[in-house]
Amino acid sequence: MKQRQYKKKDKKAFIIKKIIAGKNSRGDIIEDHKSISDDSPLWCFTQNLDGRITDNALVLKNEETRLFVFNYRDNIRQGDLILFNNVVYEITRVFIADEYTFEIYAYVKKVDIPLKNFFSQ
């Protein structure tokens, strides 16, 4: 019988969405960032993608460097950001392992966004 692999979630990370905070005097849209978990981190499993995983052409094209596994949430999407150990990652794709929605896999690439832009009041 096929048994589901369980990833031990012993790390914490923030999942951050871009939101529209308003418009400036010229009419330009002002973006802000908000955590999907009310400014508290989520438990996750994470690992660097190594050579045997990154042989996949899709991984190489997207420059994916890391994998995060969270308990299933329906509000994690491609383009969202993850803040882990003061490094910001962008989700390049998400994957649900099977028809049972226990865990969601988020493949990410590192992005250069200043930390001061997060959780502004």
C-alpha atoms as a PDB file:
ATOM      1  CA  MET A   1       0.000   0.000   0.000  1.00  0.00           C
ATOM      2  CA  LYS A   2       1.307   3.411  -0.928  1.00  0.00           C
ATOM      3  CA  GLN A   3       2.056   5.468   2.148  1.00  0.00           C
ATOM      4  CA  ARG A   4       2.136   9.244   2.158  1.00  0.00           C
ATOM      5  CA  GLN A   5       5.492  10.854   2.924  1.00  0.00           C
ATOM      6  CA  TYR A   6       5.265  13.220   5.857  1.00  0.00           C
ATOM      7  CA  LYS A   7       7.573  16.215   6.118  1.00  0.00           C
ATOM      8  CA  LYS A   8       8.384  17.291   9.676  1.00  0.00           C
ATOM      9  CA  LYS A   9       7.478  20.960   9.960  1.00  0.00           C
ATOM     10  CA  ASP A  10      10.054  22.291  12.421  1.00  0.00           C
ATOM     11  CA  LYS A  11      10.787  25.734  10.900  1.00  0.00           C
ATOM     12  CA  LYS A  12       8.720  28.926  10.775  1.00  0.00           C
ATOM     13  CA  ALA A  13       8.171  31.233   7.811  1.00  0.00           C
ATOM     14  CA  PHE A  14       5.841  34.048   6.817  1.00  0.00           C
ATOM     15  CA  ILE A  15       3.761  33.860   3.656  1.00  0.00           C
ATOM     16  CA  ILE A  16       3.184  37.378   2.389  1.00  0.00           C
ATOM     17  CA  LYS A  17       0.737  38.660  -0.202  1.00  0.00           C
ATOM     18  CA  LYS A  18       0.999  41.914  -2.117  1.00  0.00           C
ATOM     19  CA  ILE A  19      -2.040  44.105  -1.505  1.00  0.00           C
ATOM     20  CA  ILE A  20      -3.145  47.401  -2.974  1.00  0.00           C
ATOM     21  CA  ALA A  21      -2.860  49.996  -0.203  1.00  0.00           C
ATOM     22  CA  GLY A  22      -4.295  52.876  -2.214  1.00  0.00           C
ATOM     23  CA  LYS A  23      -3.253  55.433  -4.781  1.00  0.00           C
ATOM     24  CA  ASN A  24      -0.924  58.401  -4.548  1.00  0.00           C
ATOM     25  CA  SER A  25      -1.702  61.940  -5.715  1.00  0.00           C
ATOM     26  CA  ARG A  26      -0.734  61.069  -9.311  1.00  0.00           C
ATOM     27  CA  GLY A  27      -3.027  58.026  -9.348  1.00  0.00           C
ATOM     28  CA  ASP A  28      -0.247  55.431  -9.149  1.00  0.00           C
ATOM     29  CA  ILE A  29      -1.135  52.279  -7.237  1.00  0.00           C
ATOM     30  CA  ILE A  30       0.665  51.897  -3.909  1.00  0.00           C
ATOM     31  CA  GLU A  31       1.457  48.277  -3.022  1.00  0.00           C
ATOM     32  CA  ASP A  32       1.885  46.993   0.513  1.00  0.00           C
ATOM     33  CA  HIS A  33       2.523  43.548   1.969  1.00  0.00           C
ATOM     34  CA  LYS A  34       0.455  41.546   4.438  1.00  0.00           C
ATOM     35  CA  SER A  35       1.012  38.166   6.044  1.00  0.00           C
ATOM     36  CA  ILE A  36      -1.730  35.605   5.349  1.00  0.00           C
ATOM     37  CA  SER A  37      -1.497  34.402   8.960  1.00  0.00           C
ATOM     38  CA  ASP A  38      -2.146  37.640  10.873  1.00  0.00           C
ATOM     39  CA  ASP A  39       1.529  38.554  11.283  1.00  0.00           C
ATOM     40  CA  SER A  40       2.510  35.239  12.869  1.00  0.00           C
ATOM     41  CA  PRO A  41       4.749  32.698  11.127  1.00  0.00           C
ATOM     42  CA  LEU A  42       3.540  29.313   9.869  1.00  0.00           C
ATOM     43  CA  TRP A  43       5.220  26.009  10.640  1.00  0.00           C
ATOM     44  CA  CYS A  44       6.900  24.491   7.589  1.00  0.00           C
ATOM     45  CA  PHE A  45       9.442  22.020   6.304  1.00  0.00           C
ATOM     46  CA  THR A  46      12.101  23.521   4.057  1.00  0.00           C
ATOM     47  CA  GLN A  47      15.154  22.325   2.174  1.00  0.00           C
ATOM     48  CA  ASN A  48      17.526  23.557  -0.493  1.00  0.00           C
ATOM     49  CA  LEU A  49      16.963  22.011  -3.902  1.00  0.00           C
ATOM     50  CA  ASP A  50      19.978  19.905  -4.719  1.00  0.00           C
ATOM     51  CA  GLY A  51      21.366  18.635  -8.021  1.00  0.00           C
ATOM     52  CA  ARG A  52      19.203  15.534  -8.376  1.00  0.00           C
ATOM     53  CA  ILE A  53      16.045  17.611  -7.912  1.00  0.00           C
ATOM     54  CA  THR A  54      17.151  20.557 -10.056  1.00  0.00           C
ATOM     55  CA  ASP A  55      17.772  18.400 -13.145  1.00  0.00           C
ATOM     56  CA  ASN A  56      14.160  19.178 -13.990  1.00  0.00           C
ATOM     57  CA  ALA A  57      14.074  21.754 -16.821  1.00  0.00           C
ATOM     58  CA  LEU A  58      11.221  23.658 -15.135  1.00  0.00           C
ATOM     59  CA  VAL A  59      13.292  24.129 -11.989  1.00  0.00           C
ATOM     60  CA  LEU A  60      16.270  25.386 -13.976  1.00  0.00           C
ATOM     61  CA  LYS A  61      14.145  27.793 -16.020  1.00  0.00           C
ATOM     62  CA  ASN A  62      12.567  29.332 -12.917  1.00  0.00           C
ATOM     63  CA  GLU A  63      15.842  29.437 -10.953  1.00  0.00           C
ATOM     64  CA  GLU A  64      14.162  27.678  -8.041  1.00  0.00           C
ATOM     65  CA  THR A  65      16.478  27.347  -5.074  1.00  0.00           C
ATOM     66  CA  ARG A  66      14.321  26.087  -2.218  1.00  0.00           C
ATOM     67  CA  LEU A  67      11.275  24.008  -1.353  1.00  0.00           C
ATOM     68  CA  PHE A  68       8.787  24.814   1.409  1.00  0.00           C
ATOM     69  CA  VAL A  69       6.092  22.407   2.616  1.00  0.00           C
ATOM     70  CA  PHE A  70       3.176  23.812   4.612  1.00  0.00           C
ATOM     71  CA  ASN A  71       0.003  22.278   5.945  1.00  0.00           C
ATOM     72  CA  TYR A  72      -2.618  22.771   3.271  1.00  0.00           C
ATOM     73  CA  ARG A  73      -4.072  26.267   2.904  1.00  0.00           C
ATOM     74  CA  ASP A  74      -6.170  27.393  -0.023  1.00  0.00           C
ATOM     75  CA  ASN A  75      -4.704  30.916  -0.094  1.00  0.00           C
ATOM     76  CA  ILE A  76      -1.117  30.099  -1.114  1.00  0.00           C
ATOM     77  CA  ARG A  77      -0.548  31.084  -4.736  1.00  0.00           C
ATOM     78  CA  GLN A  78       2.196  31.530  -7.294  1.00  0.00           C
ATOM     79  CA  GLY A  79       3.667  35.027  -6.934  1.00  0.00           C
ATOM     80  CA  ASP A  80       3.229  35.193  -3.153  1.00  0.00           C
ATOM     81  CA  LEU A  81       6.338  35.865  -1.086  1.00  0.00           C
ATOM     82  CA  ILE A  82       7.910  33.841   1.724  1.00  0.00           C
ATOM     83  CA  LEU A  83      10.065  35.423   4.419  1.00  0.00           C
ATOM     84  CA  PHE A  84      12.390  32.851   6.005  1.00  0.00           C
ATOM     85  CA  ASN A  85      15.522  33.635   8.051  1.00  0.00           C
ATOM     86  CA  ASN A  86      15.469  37.280   6.866  1.00  0.00           C
ATOM     87  CA  VAL A  87      15.574  36.179   3.209  1.00  0.00           C
ATOM     88  CA  VAL A  88      12.701  36.857   0.821  1.00  0.00           C
ATOM     89  CA  TYR A  89      11.611  34.211  -1.691  1.00  0.00           C
ATOM     90  CA  GLU A  90       8.984  34.366  -4.430  1.00  0.00           C
ATOM     91  CA  ILE A  91       6.776  31.331  -5.014  1.00  0.00           C
ATOM     92  CA  THR A  92       7.290  30.169  -8.601  1.00  0.00           C
ATOM     93  CA  ARG A  93       4.880  27.222  -8.422  1.00  0.00           C
ATOM     94  CA  VAL A  94       2.758  25.304  -5.944  1.00  0.00           C
ATOM     95  CA  PHE A  95       2.005  21.611  -5.909  1.00  0.00           C
ATOM     96  CA  ILE A  96      -0.430  19.413  -3.991  1.00  0.00           C
ATOM     97  CA  ALA A  97       0.895  15.855  -3.784  1.00  0.00           C
ATOM     98  CA  ASP A  98      -2.377  13.977  -4.282  1.00  0.00           C
ATOM     99  CA  GLU A  99      -6.127  14.327  -4.163  1.00  0.00           C
ATOM    100  CA  TYR A 100      -5.994  14.483  -0.380  1.00  0.00           C
ATOM    101  CA  THR A 101      -5.109  18.033   0.587  1.00  0.00           C
ATOM    102  CA  PHE A 102      -2.777  17.477   3.534  1.00  0.00           C
ATOM    103  CA  GLU A 103       0.275  19.435   2.444  1.00  0.00           C
ATOM    104  CA  ILE A 104       1.121  22.065  -0.122  1.00  0.00           C
ATOM    105  CA  TYR A 105       4.562  22.258  -1.710  1.00  0.00           C
ATOM    106  CA  ALA A 106       5.871  25.707  -2.675  1.00  0.00           C
ATOM    107  CA  TYR A 107       8.897  25.972  -4.936  1.00  0.00           C
ATOM    108  CA  VAL A 108      10.630  29.332  -4.618  1.00  0.00           C
ATOM    109  CA  LYS A 109      13.404  31.526  -5.935  1.00  0.00           C
ATOM    110  CA  LYS A 110      15.302  34.137  -3.985  1.00  0.00           C
ATOM    111  CA  VAL A 111      14.348  37.759  -4.716  1.00  0.00           C
ATOM    112  CA  ASP A 112      15.990  41.002  -3.711  1.00  0.00           C
ATOM    113  CA  ILE A 113      13.291  42.952  -1.860  1.00  0.00           C
ATOM    114  CA  PRO A 114      14.249  45.117   1.139  1.00  0.00           C
ATOM    115  CA  LEU A 115      12.859  43.821   4.427  1.00  0.00           C
ATOM    116  CA  LYS A 116      11.676  47.296   5.433  1.00  0.00           C
ATOM    117  CA  ASN A 117       8.824  46.933   2.932  1.00  0.00           C
ATOM    118  CA  PHE A 118       7.193  44.187   4.986  1.00  0.00           C
ATOM    119  CA  PHE A 119       4.593  44.591   7.692  1.00  0.00           C
ATOM    120  CA  SER A 120       4.387  48.362   7.394  1.00  0.00           C
ATOM    121  CA  GLN A 121       1.815  50.015   9.584  1.00  0.00           C
END
